[in-house]
Protein backbone atom coordinates (compact mmCIF):
# COMPACT_ATOMS: atom_id res chain seq x y z
CA MET A 1 -93.13 -56.51 -59.50
CA SER A 2 -89.79 -57.95 -58.11
CA GLN A 3 -88.36 -54.51 -57.15
CA ARG A 4 -91.61 -53.70 -55.36
CA ARG A 5 -91.20 -56.77 -53.47
CA ALA A 6 -87.65 -56.17 -52.61
CA ARG A 7 -88.42 -52.58 -51.40
CA SER A 8 -91.22 -53.94 -49.19
CA ALA A 9 -88.82 -56.46 -47.73
CA ALA A 10 -86.39 -53.97 -47.00
CA ALA A 11 -88.67 -51.63 -45.42
CA ARG A 12 -89.99 -54.65 -43.16
CA ALA A 13 -86.40 -55.34 -42.38
CA ARG A 14 -86.16 -51.78 -41.04
CA ILE A 15 -89.35 -51.70 -38.97
CA ALA A 16 -88.37 -55.10 -37.34
CA ARG A 17 -84.78 -53.81 -36.44
CA LEU A 18 -86.53 -50.62 -34.85
CA THR A 19 -89.30 -52.58 -33.19
CA CYS A 20 -87.22 -55.59 -31.97
CA GLY A 21 -84.58 -53.46 -30.20
CA PRO A 22 -84.37 -52.85 -26.43
CA VAL A 23 -84.90 -49.16 -26.70
CA PRO A 24 -88.82 -49.58 -27.38
CA VAL A 25 -88.84 -51.84 -24.36
CA ALA A 26 -87.04 -49.42 -22.28
CA LEU A 27 -89.37 -46.61 -23.12
CA VAL A 28 -92.53 -49.00 -22.33
CA ALA A 29 -90.91 -49.85 -18.85
CA LEU A 30 -90.16 -46.25 -18.02
CA GLN A 31 -93.59 -44.94 -19.08
CA GLY A 32 -94.92 -48.01 -16.87
CA LEU A 33 -92.94 -47.08 -13.90
CA LEU A 34 -93.90 -43.40 -13.94
CA THR A 35 -97.34 -44.32 -14.35
CA ILE A 36 -97.49 -46.68 -11.23
CA ALA A 37 -95.54 -43.98 -9.21
CA LEU A 38 -97.77 -41.31 -9.97
CA THR A 39 -101.07 -42.83 -10.22
CA GLY A 40 -100.90 -46.25 -8.83
CA ALA A 41 -104.34 -46.60 -7.14
CA ALA A 42 -106.17 -44.78 -9.75
CA GLY A 43 -107.69 -47.59 -11.65
CA ARG A 44 -111.29 -48.89 -12.14
CA GLY A 45 -110.88 -50.75 -8.86
CA TYR A 46 -108.05 -50.56 -6.38
CA THR A 47 -105.11 -52.48 -7.97
CA HIS A 48 -102.06 -52.54 -5.45
CA ARG A 49 -98.73 -51.03 -6.77
CA LEU A 50 -96.77 -54.36 -6.17
CA LEU A 51 -99.34 -56.17 -8.35
CA LEU A 52 -98.98 -53.65 -11.11
CA THR A 53 -95.13 -53.72 -10.65
CA VAL A 54 -95.10 -57.52 -11.00
CA VAL A 55 -97.44 -57.14 -14.19
CA LEU A 56 -95.17 -54.43 -15.67
CA ALA A 57 -92.02 -56.92 -15.02
CA GLU A 58 -93.84 -59.64 -16.55
CA ASN A 59 -94.68 -57.37 -19.71
CA VAL A 60 -91.17 -56.03 -20.11
CA VAL A 61 -89.74 -59.77 -20.00
CA ALA A 62 -92.28 -60.71 -22.58
CA LEU A 63 -91.28 -57.84 -24.68
CA LEU A 64 -87.55 -58.71 -24.43
CA LEU A 65 -88.38 -62.25 -25.77
CA ARG A 66 -90.78 -61.13 -28.44
CA HIS A 67 -88.28 -61.43 -31.39
CA ARG A 68 -88.16 -65.33 -30.75
CA HIS A 69 -91.81 -65.73 -29.71
CA PRO A 70 -93.89 -62.79 -31.08
CA VAL A 71 -97.15 -64.78 -30.64
CA LEU A 72 -96.34 -65.84 -27.27
CA ALA A 73 -95.48 -62.57 -25.88
CA LEU A 74 -98.66 -61.02 -27.34
CA THR A 75 -100.71 -63.82 -25.94
CA ALA A 76 -99.06 -63.41 -22.51
CA ILE A 77 -99.48 -59.43 -22.48
CA SER A 78 -103.13 -59.93 -23.44
CA LEU A 79 -103.80 -62.24 -20.68
CA THR A 80 -102.20 -60.18 -17.96
CA TYR A 81 -104.20 -57.14 -19.35
CA ALA A 82 -107.39 -59.18 -19.13
CA ILE A 83 -106.84 -60.18 -15.65
CA VAL A 84 -105.31 -56.94 -14.30
CA ASP A 85 -107.34 -54.63 -16.46
CA TYR A 86 -105.18 -51.54 -16.04
CA LEU A 87 -104.89 -49.80 -19.35
CA PRO A 88 -102.00 -47.35 -18.65
CA THR A 89 -99.16 -49.98 -17.83
CA THR A 90 -100.14 -52.85 -20.29
CA LEU A 91 -101.49 -50.92 -23.46
CA PRO A 92 -98.17 -49.83 -24.47
CA ALA A 93 -96.69 -53.41 -24.07
CA LEU A 94 -99.70 -54.82 -25.89
CA LEU A 95 -99.23 -52.40 -28.90
CA LEU A 96 -95.60 -52.85 -29.32
CA ALA A 97 -96.09 -56.63 -29.13
CA LEU A 98 -98.95 -56.47 -31.62
CA ILE A 99 -96.64 -54.46 -33.88
CA THR A 100 -93.74 -56.99 -33.72
CA VAL A 101 -96.46 -59.75 -34.58
CA LEU A 102 -97.56 -57.46 -37.49
CA VAL A 103 -93.98 -57.18 -38.70
CA LEU A 104 -92.43 -60.63 -38.16
CA GLU A 105 -95.29 -62.97 -38.83
CA ASP A 106 -97.30 -63.87 -42.12
CA ARG A 107 -100.34 -62.21 -43.05
CA ARG A 108 -102.76 -65.03 -41.66
CA MET A 109 -101.15 -64.84 -38.31
CA SER A 110 -100.90 -61.08 -38.22
CA ARG A 111 -104.75 -61.05 -38.71
CA ALA A 112 -105.56 -63.59 -36.05
CA ALA A 113 -103.36 -61.76 -33.71
CA ALA A 114 -105.03 -58.48 -34.30
CA GLY A 115 -108.51 -59.82 -33.98
CA ILE A 116 -107.61 -61.45 -30.61
CA ALA A 117 -105.97 -58.27 -29.38
CA ALA A 118 -109.00 -56.21 -30.61
CA ALA A 119 -111.41 -58.80 -28.83
CA VAL A 120 -109.18 -58.43 -25.61
CA LEU A 121 -109.24 -54.65 -25.35
CA ASN A 122 -113.01 -54.62 -26.38
CA ARG A 123 -113.85 -56.73 -23.65
CA SER A 124 -111.82 -55.03 -21.10
CA THR A 125 -112.74 -51.43 -21.96
CA GLY A 126 -116.52 -52.18 -22.57
CA LEU A 127 -116.94 -50.08 -25.53
CA THR A 128 -119.88 -52.25 -26.56
CA ARG A 129 -121.74 -52.76 -23.47
CA ARG A 130 -125.40 -51.60 -23.66
CA PRO A 131 -127.22 -50.01 -20.89
CA ARG A 132 -129.15 -52.52 -18.80
CA ARG A 133 -133.16 -52.58 -19.39
CA ASP A 134 -133.82 -53.28 -15.91
CA ARG A 135 -132.40 -50.00 -14.36
CA VAL A 136 -134.87 -47.17 -15.32
CA ASN A 137 -134.51 -43.88 -14.08
CA PRO A 138 -137.25 -42.22 -12.16
CA ASN A 139 -138.35 -39.97 -15.25
CA GLY A 140 -138.81 -43.26 -17.35
CA ARG A 141 -135.68 -42.87 -19.43
CA LEU A 142 -132.51 -45.25 -19.52
């Protein structure tokens, strides 16, 4: 059993080295900049490119500091996602912060962080919204 734990700890350390480095942050920043440059105003509502750039900069700063405070970084990215609601620039940062929390924190904190991230994504994407009953088509169907 101790060999299994040692292998598990070594695997966690490898994953932590990969996820806490600057390369994933650079990839998230590059993807965000390309998304803003190519489709900046194609969100649900009109979101200004300057605001999207500020949000991307905040996400990059939070990701650079996530190895010290992973839960705080995940919280900051979740809040900016809930406020701005522009999935293409914030989803990669949110997932990278969530992976970092899952790798670096204990099991209880990881479950809580995953639940909060899922709740933020579920609320913002509207996956559980039901059709309103007061809007009826002329043929009587919803």
